[in-house]
Amino acid sequence: MTSAFFLKKKLALTCDSRHNLASVGKRLACLALTTTSVLVISSAGAHAQALAPATLGGESRTAGTTNDVVQVITAKTDPTIAQMTKHVVKKSPRIAAKKVEPVAAHKPAQSIANAPSRASFTMEPVRPMNQPTVNQTPQHGGRFSFKNAEGKKESIPVISQYYPKQITYPYAKVDRRIDSRLVQAATLAQERAHAHSRSRCWHYVKDALLASGVIDSRPKTELARDAASELVNNYGFKKLSVTNPFAAPVGSVLVYGTARSVGHVELRTKDGFVSDFRSPTPSKRPLVGVYAKL
């Protein structure tokens, strides 16, 4: 009985010891896992603090956070690991400060120092609009160089802008003293005229005068230089005291030519002269006279 009782008690103690050893092993494993997790979390926090900018208030929290992390690590881990972690946590804010400092402090100073040198090349004085500039630097290519007939080099300014003067001719005036049918004759001649001469000026003027009713029969002369004498002698026209063709009134008949030429005849319109063709300017032949029926 006694030996059997001691045997059962021994077996019970053996089982309890094994159970205790197993539970101790599990606790040690959990402790190691917890220590590893704390170490990883602290390393990640230290790395995040190292990458964070210095202006976000990380420096004010660095001291307290570092001490807390170091105290937790040193309480449950090996002193060597705790010392290495403390070294990393203390060193990282300094590295971040060194990386941020050149960007925040030196670059603005460098840009401010270089600003005047660039401004000296680009800034120009403000001039009022539509005012001539004085002492302007001549542009490259502003003058054309060449050699004259004697072989000497000369240069002249190149004209880059050209403002043509529009040539305008005076409009003819309507004289109330002359027959109004002459104005109608000038309109008919302008409608029938061509762009270029066909050497039939007197024929077209005859047709216009006859169609307007100024004359009641067709003139019989063939040469334009003879138109003045026939109009005065046979149809009651009179010579006006006008020597400038542009000053002739609308509807008047202008006769040009000499004794040795065929001559030319045309009617004055409001904006030009017309015979068998239209022209803004009068004939270049000698003017015999300006005639109209009053």
Protein backbone atom coordinates (compact mmCIF):
# COMPACT_ATOMS: atom_id res chain seq x y z
CA MET A 1 0.00 0.00 0.00
CA THR A 2 2.73 2.42 0.96
CA SER A 3 4.88 1.72 -2.09
CA ALA A 4 1.88 2.02 -4.39
CA PHE A 5 0.91 5.36 -2.77
CA PHE A 6 4.41 6.79 -3.19
CA LEU A 7 4.51 5.55 -6.79
CA LYS A 8 1.24 7.35 -7.61
CA LYS A 9 2.46 10.51 -5.92
CA LYS A 10 5.73 10.38 -7.84
CA LEU A 11 3.86 9.97 -11.10
CA ALA A 12 1.63 12.93 -10.20
CA LEU A 13 4.63 15.11 -9.41
CA THR A 14 6.27 14.08 -12.67
CA CYS A 15 3.17 15.04 -14.63
CA ASP A 16 2.90 18.36 -12.78
CA SER A 17 6.54 19.13 -13.47
CA ARG A 18 6.11 18.38 -17.18
CA HIS A 19 3.00 20.50 -17.27
CA ASN A 20 4.81 23.32 -15.51
CA LEU A 21 7.75 23.08 -17.92
CA ALA A 22 5.41 23.24 -20.90
CA SER A 23 3.62 26.28 -19.51
CA VAL A 24 6.95 27.97 -18.75
CA GLY A 25 8.09 27.30 -22.33
CA LYS A 26 4.90 28.81 -23.70
CA ARG A 27 5.35 31.91 -21.53
CA LEU A 28 8.95 32.31 -22.68
CA ALA A 29 7.85 32.02 -26.32
CA CYS A 30 5.11 34.65 -25.82
CA LEU A 31 7.62 36.89 -24.07
CA ALA A 32 10.08 36.57 -26.96
CA LEU A 33 7.33 37.26 -29.51
CA THR A 34 6.18 40.31 -27.55
CA THR A 35 9.75 41.59 -27.30
CA THR A 36 10.27 41.15 -31.07
CA SER A 37 7.00 42.98 -31.84
CA VAL A 38 7.96 45.88 -29.57
CA LEU A 39 11.38 46.05 -31.24
CA VAL A 40 9.87 46.13 -34.75
CA ILE A 41 7.31 48.78 -33.76
CA SER A 42 9.97 50.94 -32.16
CA SER A 43 12.23 50.61 -35.21
CA ALA A 44 9.36 51.62 -37.50
CA GLY A 45 8.55 54.61 -35.29
CA ALA A 46 12.18 55.68 -35.29
CA HIS A 47 12.33 55.39 -39.09
CA ALA A 48 9.14 57.43 -39.47
CA GLN A 49 10.51 60.12 -37.18
CA ALA A 50 13.71 60.21 -39.20
CA LEU A 51 11.77 60.78 -42.47
CA ALA A 52 9.36 63.36 -41.01
CA PRO A 53 10.23 67.05 -41.69
CA ALA A 54 11.70 69.07 -38.88
CA THR A 55 9.01 71.78 -39.08
CA LEU A 56 6.12 69.48 -38.16
CA GLY A 57 6.90 69.57 -34.48
CA GLY A 58 8.79 66.29 -34.43
CA GLU A 59 11.68 67.72 -32.46
CA SER A 60 9.55 68.65 -29.49
CA ARG A 61 8.23 65.09 -29.20
CA THR A 62 11.50 63.35 -29.98
CA ALA A 63 12.96 63.48 -26.50
CA GLY A 64 9.93 62.12 -24.68
CA THR A 65 9.16 59.46 -27.27
CA THR A 66 12.77 58.32 -27.36
CA ASN A 67 12.93 57.92 -23.62
CA ASP A 68 9.66 55.95 -23.51
CA VAL A 69 10.72 53.59 -26.23
CA VAL A 70 14.13 53.08 -24.71
CA GLN A 71 12.64 52.38 -21.29
CA VAL A 72 10.26 49.72 -22.68
CA ILE A 73 12.98 48.07 -24.69
CA THR A 74 15.59 48.12 -21.97
CA ALA A 75 13.15 46.65 -19.46
CA LYS A 76 12.39 43.50 -21.46
CA THR A 77 15.21 42.98 -23.96
CA ASP A 78 18.86 42.39 -24.01
CA PRO A 79 20.99 45.46 -23.09
CA THR A 80 22.92 45.27 -26.40
CA ILE A 81 19.74 45.42 -28.50
CA ALA A 82 18.35 48.22 -26.36
CA GLN A 83 21.55 50.20 -26.68
CA MET A 84 21.56 49.80 -30.50
CA THR A 85 17.92 50.87 -30.72
CA LYS A 86 18.59 53.89 -28.53
CA HIS A 87 21.48 54.86 -30.76
CA VAL A 88 19.32 54.65 -33.90
CA VAL A 89 16.47 56.66 -32.36
CA LYS A 90 18.81 59.41 -31.16
CA LYS A 91 20.70 59.58 -34.44
CA SER A 92 17.74 59.74 -36.87
CA PRO A 93 16.45 63.26 -35.96
CA ARG A 94 19.92 64.66 -36.57
CA ILE A 95 20.05 63.05 -40.01
CA ALA A 96 16.63 64.48 -40.88
CA ALA A 97 17.71 67.91 -39.70
CA LYS A 98 20.86 67.75 -41.82
CA LYS A 99 18.88 66.75 -44.93
CA VAL A 100 16.22 69.42 -44.51
CA GLU A 101 18.54 72.29 -43.56
CA PRO A 102 20.24 72.84 -46.97
CA VAL A 103 16.89 72.97 -48.74
CA ALA A 104 15.29 75.39 -46.27
CA ALA A 105 18.25 77.66 -45.50
CA HIS A 106 20.72 77.71 -48.39
CA LYS A 107 18.56 77.62 -51.52
CA PRO A 108 16.53 80.80 -50.84
CA ALA A 109 19.73 82.66 -50.03
CA GLN A 110 21.31 81.43 -53.26
CA SER A 111 18.27 82.43 -55.34
CA ILE A 112 18.21 85.88 -53.71
CA ALA A 113 21.90 86.32 -54.39
CA ASN A 114 21.51 85.37 -58.06
CA ALA A 115 18.36 87.44 -58.62
CA PRO A 116 20.09 90.81 -59.21
CA SER A 117 22.43 89.34 -61.84
CA ARG A 118 19.50 88.05 -63.93
CA ALA A 119 17.48 91.20 -63.43
CA SER A 120 20.29 93.35 -64.76
CA PHE A 121 19.94 91.69 -68.17
CA THR A 122 16.14 91.55 -68.47
CA MET A 123 14.88 94.74 -66.83
CA GLU A 124 14.38 97.71 -69.15
CA PRO A 125 13.18 101.23 -68.46
CA VAL A 126 9.48 101.82 -69.00
CA ARG A 127 8.79 104.25 -71.83
CA PRO A 128 5.47 105.94 -72.62
CA MET A 129 3.58 104.65 -75.62
CA ASN A 130 3.79 106.37 -79.01
CA GLN A 131 6.92 108.28 -78.00
CA PRO A 132 10.16 108.21 -80.01
CA THR A 133 13.06 106.57 -78.26
CA VAL A 134 16.40 108.29 -77.98
CA ASN A 135 19.83 106.70 -78.44
CA GLN A 136 18.48 103.31 -79.43
CA THR A 137 21.03 100.63 -80.14
CA PRO A 138 20.93 99.84 -83.87
CA GLN A 139 19.79 96.32 -84.60
CA HIS A 140 21.93 93.86 -86.48
CA GLY A 141 21.22 94.08 -90.18
CA GLY A 142 19.81 97.60 -89.95
CA ARG A 143 22.12 98.83 -92.71
CA PHE A 144 22.93 97.45 -96.14
CA SER A 145 26.59 97.49 -97.15
CA PHE A 146 27.74 97.61 -100.76
CA LYS A 147 30.52 98.82 -103.03
CA ASN A 148 30.00 101.80 -105.27
CA ALA A 149 31.32 102.23 -108.80
CA GLU A 150 34.68 103.38 -107.43
CA GLY A 151 35.08 100.25 -105.29
CA LYS A 152 34.51 102.00 -101.95
CA LYS A 153 32.35 100.42 -99.26
CA GLU A 154 29.18 102.28 -98.39
CA SER A 155 26.12 101.50 -96.30
CA ILE A 156 22.57 102.75 -96.26
CA PRO A 157 19.75 102.13 -93.74
CA VAL A 158 17.30 99.35 -94.53
CA ILE A 159 13.68 100.48 -94.60
CA SER A 160 11.67 97.89 -92.67
CA GLN A 161 8.33 99.70 -92.75
CA TYR A 162 6.62 101.39 -95.66
CA TYR A 163 3.63 103.64 -95.41
CA PRO A 164 2.34 104.34 -98.92
CA LYS A 165 0.54 107.59 -99.49
CA GLN A 166 -2.82 106.91 -101.03
CA ILE A 167 -3.23 108.93 -104.21
CA THR A 168 -6.59 110.64 -104.27
CA TYR A 169 -8.04 112.72 -107.09
CA PRO A 170 -10.54 115.53 -106.56
CA TYR A 171 -14.16 114.86 -107.36
CA ALA A 172 -15.84 116.90 -110.07
CA LYS A 173 -18.55 119.36 -109.15
CA VAL A 174 -21.93 119.79 -110.75
CA ASP A 175 -22.40 123.21 -112.33
CA ARG A 176 -26.06 124.25 -112.32
CA ARG A 177 -25.52 126.60 -115.28
CA ILE A 178 -24.85 123.86 -117.82
CA ASP A 179 -27.48 121.60 -119.36
CA SER A 180 -28.46 118.75 -117.03
CA ARG A 181 -28.62 116.39 -119.99
CA LEU A 182 -24.81 116.54 -120.18
CA VAL A 183 -24.66 114.83 -116.74
CA GLN A 184 -26.91 112.10 -118.15
CA ALA A 185 -24.61 111.78 -121.17
CA ALA A 186 -21.63 111.25 -118.90
CA THR A 187 -23.53 108.50 -117.03
CA LEU A 188 -24.47 106.74 -120.29
CA ALA A 189 -20.88 106.90 -121.56
CA GLN A 190 -19.60 105.44 -118.29
CA GLU A 191 -22.02 102.51 -118.53
CA ARG A 192 -20.98 101.70 -122.10
CA ALA A 193 -17.22 102.25 -121.69
CA HIS A 194 -14.58 99.50 -121.55
CA ALA A 195 -11.60 99.00 -119.30
CA HIS A 196 -9.11 99.80 -122.07
CA SER A 197 -9.13 102.07 -125.10
CA ARG A 198 -10.34 100.86 -128.47
CA SER A 199 -9.33 104.04 -130.33
CA ARG A 200 -12.99 105.06 -130.80
CA CYS A 201 -13.27 107.86 -128.22
CA TRP A 202 -15.14 110.38 -130.41
CA HIS A 203 -17.58 107.76 -131.62
CA TYR A 204 -18.58 106.76 -128.06
CA VAL A 205 -18.92 110.41 -127.01
CA LYS A 206 -21.17 111.08 -130.05
CA ASP A 207 -23.42 108.16 -129.07
CA ALA A 208 -23.72 109.38 -125.46
CA LEU A 209 -24.56 112.97 -126.47
CA LEU A 210 -27.13 111.81 -128.97
CA ALA A 211 -28.74 109.31 -126.56
CA SER A 212 -29.10 111.91 -123.80
CA GLY A 213 -30.80 114.42 -126.14
CA VAL A 214 -28.20 117.17 -125.84
CA ILE A 215 -27.78 117.09 -129.61
CA ASP A 216 -30.47 116.17 -132.14
CA SER A 217 -28.18 114.75 -134.84
CA ARG A 218 -25.00 112.80 -134.99
CA PRO A 219 -21.81 114.87 -135.59
CA LYS A 220 -20.14 114.23 -138.97
CA THR A 221 -16.46 114.88 -138.16
CA GLU A 222 -14.19 111.85 -137.91
CA LEU A 223 -11.15 113.17 -136.03
CA ALA A 224 -11.37 113.95 -132.33
CA ARG A 225 -9.43 117.18 -132.72
CA ASP A 226 -12.28 118.57 -134.89
CA ALA A 227 -14.92 117.89 -132.22
CA ALA A 228 -14.50 121.31 -130.57
CA SER A 229 -15.26 123.37 -133.70
CA GLU A 230 -18.27 121.22 -134.68
CA LEU A 231 -19.84 121.34 -131.20
CA VAL A 232 -19.47 125.13 -131.02
CA ASN A 233 -20.58 125.89 -134.59
CA ASN A 234 -23.40 123.36 -135.04
CA TYR A 235 -24.73 122.45 -131.56
CA GLY A 236 -24.46 125.59 -129.45
CA PHE A 237 -21.62 124.52 -127.11
CA LYS A 238 -19.42 127.13 -125.50
CA LYS A 239 -15.84 127.01 -124.31
CA LEU A 240 -15.51 127.30 -120.53
CA SER A 241 -12.74 129.22 -118.80
CA VAL A 242 -11.20 126.05 -117.35
CA THR A 243 -7.61 125.03 -117.97
CA ASN A 244 -7.32 122.19 -115.44
CA PRO A 245 -9.12 118.96 -116.48
CA PHE A 246 -9.82 118.11 -112.81
CA ALA A 247 -11.67 121.45 -112.43
CA ALA A 248 -14.06 120.68 -115.30
CA PRO A 249 -17.71 120.26 -114.21
CA VAL A 250 -19.56 116.96 -114.51
CA GLY A 251 -20.83 116.38 -118.10
CA SER A 252 -18.45 118.79 -119.82
CA VAL A 253 -16.65 117.71 -122.99
CA LEU A 254 -12.84 117.84 -122.96
CA VAL A 255 -11.01 118.00 -126.31
CA TYR A 256 -7.28 117.25 -126.65
CA GLY A 257 -4.82 117.32 -129.55
CA THR A 258 -2.81 119.37 -131.97
CA ALA A 259 -3.05 120.16 -135.65
CA ARG A 260 -0.82 117.19 -136.49
CA SER A 261 -2.47 114.61 -134.24
CA VAL A 262 -5.76 112.72 -134.22
CA GLY A 263 -6.57 114.07 -130.75
CA HIS A 264 -8.81 112.74 -128.00
CA VAL A 265 -12.31 113.49 -126.67
CA GLU A 266 -13.78 112.53 -123.27
CA LEU A 267 -16.55 113.41 -120.84
CA ARG A 268 -15.94 114.44 -117.23
CA THR A 269 -17.57 112.18 -114.62
CA LYS A 270 -17.79 112.65 -110.88
CA ASP A 271 -14.70 110.51 -110.16
CA GLY A 272 -12.86 110.40 -113.49
CA PHE A 273 -13.01 110.66 -117.25
CA VAL A 274 -14.78 108.48 -119.81
CA SER A 275 -14.87 107.98 -123.58
CA ASP A 276 -14.63 104.46 -125.02
CA PHE A 277 -12.81 103.51 -121.76
CA ARG A 278 -12.82 104.63 -118.13
CA SER A 279 -9.86 106.39 -116.51
CA PRO A 280 -9.32 108.12 -113.14
CA THR A 281 -6.93 110.61 -114.75
CA PRO A 282 -7.27 112.84 -117.82
CA SER A 283 -5.41 112.38 -121.07
CA LYS A 284 -1.77 113.46 -121.24
CA ARG A 285 -2.27 115.17 -124.61
CA PRO A 286 -2.42 118.97 -124.86
CA LEU A 287 -5.80 120.29 -123.78
CA VAL A 288 -7.60 122.26 -126.49
CA GLY A 289 -10.48 123.31 -124.24
CA VAL A 290 -13.44 122.35 -122.05
CA TYR A 291 -16.89 122.73 -123.68
CA ALA A 292 -20.46 122.61 -122.39
CA LYS A 293 -23.97 123.61 -123.45
CA LEU A 294 -25.46 126.26 -121.20
